[in-house]
């Protein structure tokens, strides 16, 4: 079963391909996506990597978490399921 990983504290210059290359030495990367702002299309400084094998994903978490990338220590953990977000309120 595939495991989804959260990767935080990414340099803003990181793209999807860079993210995939960081994790590929530890196993098969199914997908890698840097999250971007909808309006500016700039990186938001985090992304998600999906790895096919749980053991490989666990090894990647252990090896990459805290690793320096562009002067920033990466924060890697298993991604939490996405919560349903309610629409932004505030209107009258």
N, C-alpha and C. Protein backbone atom coordinates (compact mmCIF):
# COMPACT_ATOMS: atom_id res chain seq x y z
N UNK A 1 0.84 -1.19 0.00
CA UNK A 1 0.00 0.00 0.00
C UNK A 1 0.88 1.24 0.00
N UNK A 2 0.49 2.25 -0.74
CA UNK A 2 1.27 3.48 -0.85
C UNK A 2 1.15 4.31 0.42
N UNK A 3 2.21 5.05 0.71
CA UNK A 3 2.22 5.93 1.88
C UNK A 3 2.46 7.35 1.41
N UNK A 4 1.68 8.28 1.92
CA UNK A 4 1.78 9.68 1.54
C UNK A 4 2.59 10.42 2.61
N UNK A 5 3.60 11.16 2.18
CA UNK A 5 4.49 11.88 3.09
C UNK A 5 4.31 13.39 2.93
N UNK A 6 4.33 14.08 4.06
CA UNK A 6 4.32 15.53 4.08
C UNK A 6 5.77 16.00 4.14
N UNK A 7 6.13 16.98 3.31
CA UNK A 7 7.48 17.54 3.32
C UNK A 7 7.34 19.04 3.50
N UNK A 8 7.82 19.55 4.63
CA UNK A 8 7.71 20.96 4.94
C UNK A 8 9.05 21.65 4.96
N UNK A 9 9.01 22.98 5.00
CA UNK A 9 10.18 23.85 5.05
C UNK A 9 11.01 23.77 3.77
N UNK A 10 10.33 23.56 2.64
CA UNK A 10 11.01 23.51 1.35
C UNK A 10 11.44 24.92 0.91
N UNK A 11 12.61 25.03 0.29
CA UNK A 11 12.95 26.32 -0.33
C UNK A 11 11.91 26.63 -1.40
N UNK A 12 11.58 27.89 -1.57
CA UNK A 12 10.54 28.28 -2.51
C UNK A 12 10.90 27.98 -3.97
N UNK A 13 12.17 27.71 -4.24
CA UNK A 13 12.60 27.39 -5.60
C UNK A 13 12.42 25.91 -5.95
N UNK A 14 12.03 25.09 -4.98
CA UNK A 14 11.87 23.65 -5.21
C UNK A 14 10.68 23.37 -6.11
N UNK A 15 10.86 22.48 -7.09
CA UNK A 15 9.75 22.09 -7.96
C UNK A 15 9.43 20.60 -7.76
N UNK A 16 8.42 20.11 -8.45
CA UNK A 16 7.99 18.72 -8.30
C UNK A 16 9.12 17.74 -8.61
N UNK A 17 9.87 18.01 -9.65
CA UNK A 17 10.96 17.12 -10.06
C UNK A 17 12.04 17.07 -8.99
N UNK A 18 12.40 18.23 -8.42
CA UNK A 18 13.40 18.28 -7.35
C UNK A 18 12.94 17.41 -6.17
N UNK A 19 11.68 17.54 -5.82
CA UNK A 19 11.13 16.80 -4.69
C UNK A 19 11.20 15.30 -4.94
N UNK A 20 10.88 14.88 -6.14
CA UNK A 20 10.96 13.47 -6.50
C UNK A 20 12.40 12.96 -6.40
N UNK A 21 13.34 13.76 -6.88
CA UNK A 21 14.75 13.35 -6.85
C UNK A 21 15.29 13.20 -5.43
N UNK A 22 14.79 13.98 -4.50
CA UNK A 22 15.23 13.89 -3.10
C UNK A 22 14.85 12.53 -2.51
N UNK A 23 13.66 12.03 -2.88
CA UNK A 23 13.15 10.80 -2.28
C UNK A 23 13.43 9.54 -3.09
N UNK A 24 13.77 9.65 -4.36
CA UNK A 24 13.96 8.47 -5.20
C UNK A 24 15.10 7.54 -4.75
N UNK A 25 16.17 8.03 -4.09
CA UNK A 25 17.19 7.07 -3.63
C UNK A 25 16.68 6.08 -2.57
N UNK A 26 15.53 6.37 -1.97
CA UNK A 26 15.02 5.53 -0.89
C UNK A 26 13.94 4.57 -1.35
N UNK A 27 13.49 4.70 -2.60
CA UNK A 27 12.47 3.79 -3.12
C UNK A 27 11.70 4.41 -4.27
N UNK A 28 10.65 3.72 -4.67
CA UNK A 28 9.85 4.15 -5.81
C UNK A 28 8.90 5.27 -5.40
N UNK A 29 9.03 6.40 -6.09
CA UNK A 29 8.17 7.56 -5.84
C UNK A 29 7.02 7.52 -6.85
N UNK A 30 5.79 7.38 -6.34
CA UNK A 30 4.62 7.35 -7.22
C UNK A 30 4.28 8.74 -7.71
N UNK A 31 4.39 9.73 -6.81
CA UNK A 31 4.13 11.12 -7.18
C UNK A 31 4.82 12.05 -6.20
N UNK A 32 5.13 13.23 -6.68
CA UNK A 32 5.74 14.27 -5.85
C UNK A 32 5.15 15.59 -6.30
N UNK A 33 4.61 16.35 -5.34
CA UNK A 33 3.94 17.61 -5.71
C UNK A 33 4.24 18.70 -4.70
N UNK A 34 4.78 19.80 -5.21
CA UNK A 34 4.99 20.98 -4.39
C UNK A 34 3.69 21.78 -4.47
N UNK A 35 3.16 22.18 -3.32
CA UNK A 35 1.91 22.92 -3.28
C UNK A 35 2.17 24.39 -3.59
N UNK A 36 1.37 24.92 -4.51
CA UNK A 36 1.55 26.31 -4.95
C UNK A 36 0.33 27.15 -4.62
N UNK A 37 0.57 28.43 -4.45
CA UNK A 37 -0.51 29.39 -4.24
C UNK A 37 -1.35 29.45 -5.50
N UNK A 38 -2.65 29.43 -5.36
CA UNK A 38 -3.54 29.45 -6.53
C UNK A 38 -3.42 30.71 -7.36
N UNK A 39 -3.18 31.82 -6.71
CA UNK A 39 -3.17 33.10 -7.43
C UNK A 39 -1.78 33.41 -8.00
N UNK A 40 -0.75 33.31 -7.16
CA UNK A 40 0.60 33.71 -7.60
C UNK A 40 1.38 32.58 -8.26
N UNK A 41 0.93 31.32 -8.06
CA UNK A 41 1.63 30.15 -8.58
C UNK A 41 3.01 29.96 -7.94
N UNK A 42 3.27 30.67 -6.84
CA UNK A 42 4.53 30.48 -6.09
C UNK A 42 4.38 29.31 -5.14
N UNK A 43 5.49 28.64 -4.88
CA UNK A 43 5.50 27.56 -3.91
C UNK A 43 5.06 28.07 -2.55
N UNK A 44 4.34 27.24 -1.82
CA UNK A 44 3.94 27.59 -0.46
C UNK A 44 4.91 27.03 0.57
N UNK A 45 5.98 26.38 0.10
CA UNK A 45 7.02 25.89 1.00
C UNK A 45 6.79 24.50 1.56
N UNK A 46 5.81 23.79 1.00
CA UNK A 46 5.61 22.40 1.42
C UNK A 46 5.07 21.59 0.26
N UNK A 47 5.10 20.28 0.42
CA UNK A 47 4.62 19.41 -0.63
C UNK A 47 4.32 18.03 -0.10
N UNK A 48 3.96 17.14 -1.02
CA UNK A 48 3.62 15.77 -0.67
C UNK A 48 4.31 14.81 -1.62
N UNK A 49 4.78 13.70 -1.06
CA UNK A 49 5.42 12.64 -1.84
C UNK A 49 4.69 11.35 -1.52
N UNK A 50 4.31 10.62 -2.55
CA UNK A 50 3.69 9.32 -2.36
C UNK A 50 4.68 8.25 -2.77
N UNK A 51 4.93 7.33 -1.85
CA UNK A 51 5.87 6.23 -2.12
C UNK A 51 5.08 4.93 -2.10
N UNK A 52 5.44 4.01 -3.01
CA UNK A 52 4.69 2.77 -3.18
C UNK A 52 4.84 1.80 -2.02
N UNK A 53 6.00 1.78 -1.37
CA UNK A 53 6.29 0.79 -0.36
C UNK A 53 6.40 1.45 1.02
N UNK A 54 5.68 0.93 2.01
CA UNK A 54 5.69 1.51 3.35
C UNK A 54 7.07 1.50 3.99
N UNK A 55 7.80 0.39 3.83
CA UNK A 55 9.15 0.31 4.43
C UNK A 55 10.09 1.34 3.82
N UNK A 56 9.99 1.52 2.50
CA UNK A 56 10.82 2.53 1.82
C UNK A 56 10.43 3.93 2.28
N UNK A 57 9.15 4.16 2.46
CA UNK A 57 8.67 5.47 2.91
C UNK A 57 9.17 5.75 4.32
N UNK A 58 9.12 4.75 5.20
CA UNK A 58 9.61 4.93 6.57
C UNK A 58 11.11 5.24 6.57
N UNK A 59 11.85 4.56 5.71
CA UNK A 59 13.29 4.82 5.61
C UNK A 59 13.53 6.25 5.10
N UNK A 60 12.75 6.67 4.11
CA UNK A 60 12.88 8.03 3.56
C UNK A 60 12.60 9.07 4.64
N UNK A 61 11.57 8.84 5.46
CA UNK A 61 11.26 9.78 6.54
C UNK A 61 12.46 9.90 7.46
N UNK A 62 13.03 8.76 7.86
CA UNK A 62 14.16 8.76 8.79
C UNK A 62 15.39 9.45 8.20
N UNK A 63 15.63 9.24 6.91
CA UNK A 63 16.82 9.78 6.27
C UNK A 63 16.70 11.25 5.85
N UNK A 64 15.54 11.65 5.39
CA UNK A 64 15.38 12.99 4.82
C UNK A 64 14.96 14.03 5.87
N UNK A 65 14.25 13.60 6.91
CA UNK A 65 13.82 14.54 7.95
C UNK A 65 15.04 15.21 8.58
N UNK A 66 15.07 16.52 8.54
CA UNK A 66 16.19 17.28 9.09
C UNK A 66 17.32 17.54 8.11
N UNK A 67 17.26 16.90 6.94
CA UNK A 67 18.28 17.09 5.91
C UNK A 67 18.23 18.53 5.39
N UNK A 68 19.39 19.11 5.17
CA UNK A 68 19.48 20.48 4.70
C UNK A 68 19.23 20.55 3.19
N UNK A 69 18.34 21.44 2.78
CA UNK A 69 18.10 21.70 1.37
C UNK A 69 18.03 23.21 1.19
N UNK A 70 19.01 23.77 0.52
CA UNK A 70 19.03 25.22 0.29
C UNK A 70 19.11 26.01 1.59
N UNK A 71 19.80 25.46 2.59
CA UNK A 71 19.94 26.15 3.86
C UNK A 71 18.75 26.00 4.80
N UNK A 72 17.82 25.11 4.44
CA UNK A 72 16.63 24.90 5.28
C UNK A 72 16.53 23.42 5.67
N UNK A 73 16.33 23.14 6.95
CA UNK A 73 16.15 21.74 7.37
C UNK A 73 14.75 21.25 7.00
N UNK A 74 14.68 20.19 6.22
CA UNK A 74 13.39 19.65 5.79
C UNK A 74 12.66 19.00 6.96
N UNK A 75 11.35 19.09 6.94
CA UNK A 75 10.49 18.45 7.94
C UNK A 75 9.65 17.42 7.21
N UNK A 76 9.90 16.15 7.50
CA UNK A 76 9.22 15.07 6.79
C UNK A 76 8.47 14.19 7.79
N UNK A 77 7.22 13.90 7.49
CA UNK A 77 6.42 13.02 8.32
C UNK A 77 5.35 12.36 7.46
N UNK A 78 4.69 11.36 8.03
CA UNK A 78 3.58 10.76 7.30
C UNK A 78 2.45 11.79 7.24
N UNK A 79 1.88 11.97 6.07
CA UNK A 79 0.82 12.95 5.89
C UNK A 79 -0.44 12.50 6.63
N UNK A 80 -1.11 13.45 7.23
CA UNK A 80 -2.38 13.18 7.91
C UNK A 80 -3.50 13.27 6.87
N UNK A 81 -4.57 12.51 7.07
CA UNK A 81 -5.69 12.61 6.11
C UNK A 81 -6.21 14.04 6.06
N UNK A 82 -6.60 14.45 4.90
CA UNK A 82 -7.11 15.81 4.72
C UNK A 82 -8.47 15.94 5.37
N UNK A 83 -8.61 16.97 6.17
CA UNK A 83 -9.89 17.21 6.83
C UNK A 83 -10.79 18.00 5.90
N UNK A 84 -12.09 17.75 6.02
CA UNK A 84 -13.05 18.55 5.25
C UNK A 84 -13.04 19.95 5.80
N UNK A 85 -12.78 20.91 4.93
CA UNK A 85 -12.77 22.30 5.37
C UNK A 85 -14.10 22.92 5.04
N UNK A 86 -14.62 23.64 5.99
CA UNK A 86 -15.84 24.38 5.73
C UNK A 86 -15.49 25.68 5.02
N UNK A 87 -16.39 26.18 4.27
CA UNK A 87 -16.16 27.42 3.55
C UNK A 87 -15.83 28.55 4.49
N UNK A 88 -15.09 29.51 4.01
CA UNK A 88 -14.72 30.66 4.82
C UNK A 88 -15.98 31.49 5.08
N UNK A 89 -16.25 31.74 6.33
CA UNK A 89 -17.43 32.52 6.67
C UNK A 89 -17.10 33.99 6.70
N UNK A 90 -17.78 34.71 7.50
CA UNK A 90 -17.49 36.12 7.66
C UNK A 90 -18.45 37.05 6.94
N UNK A 91 -19.25 36.51 6.05
CA UNK A 91 -20.18 37.37 5.34
C UNK A 91 -21.46 37.57 6.14
N UNK A 92 -22.16 38.61 5.86
CA UNK A 92 -23.42 38.89 6.56
C UNK A 92 -24.58 38.59 5.66
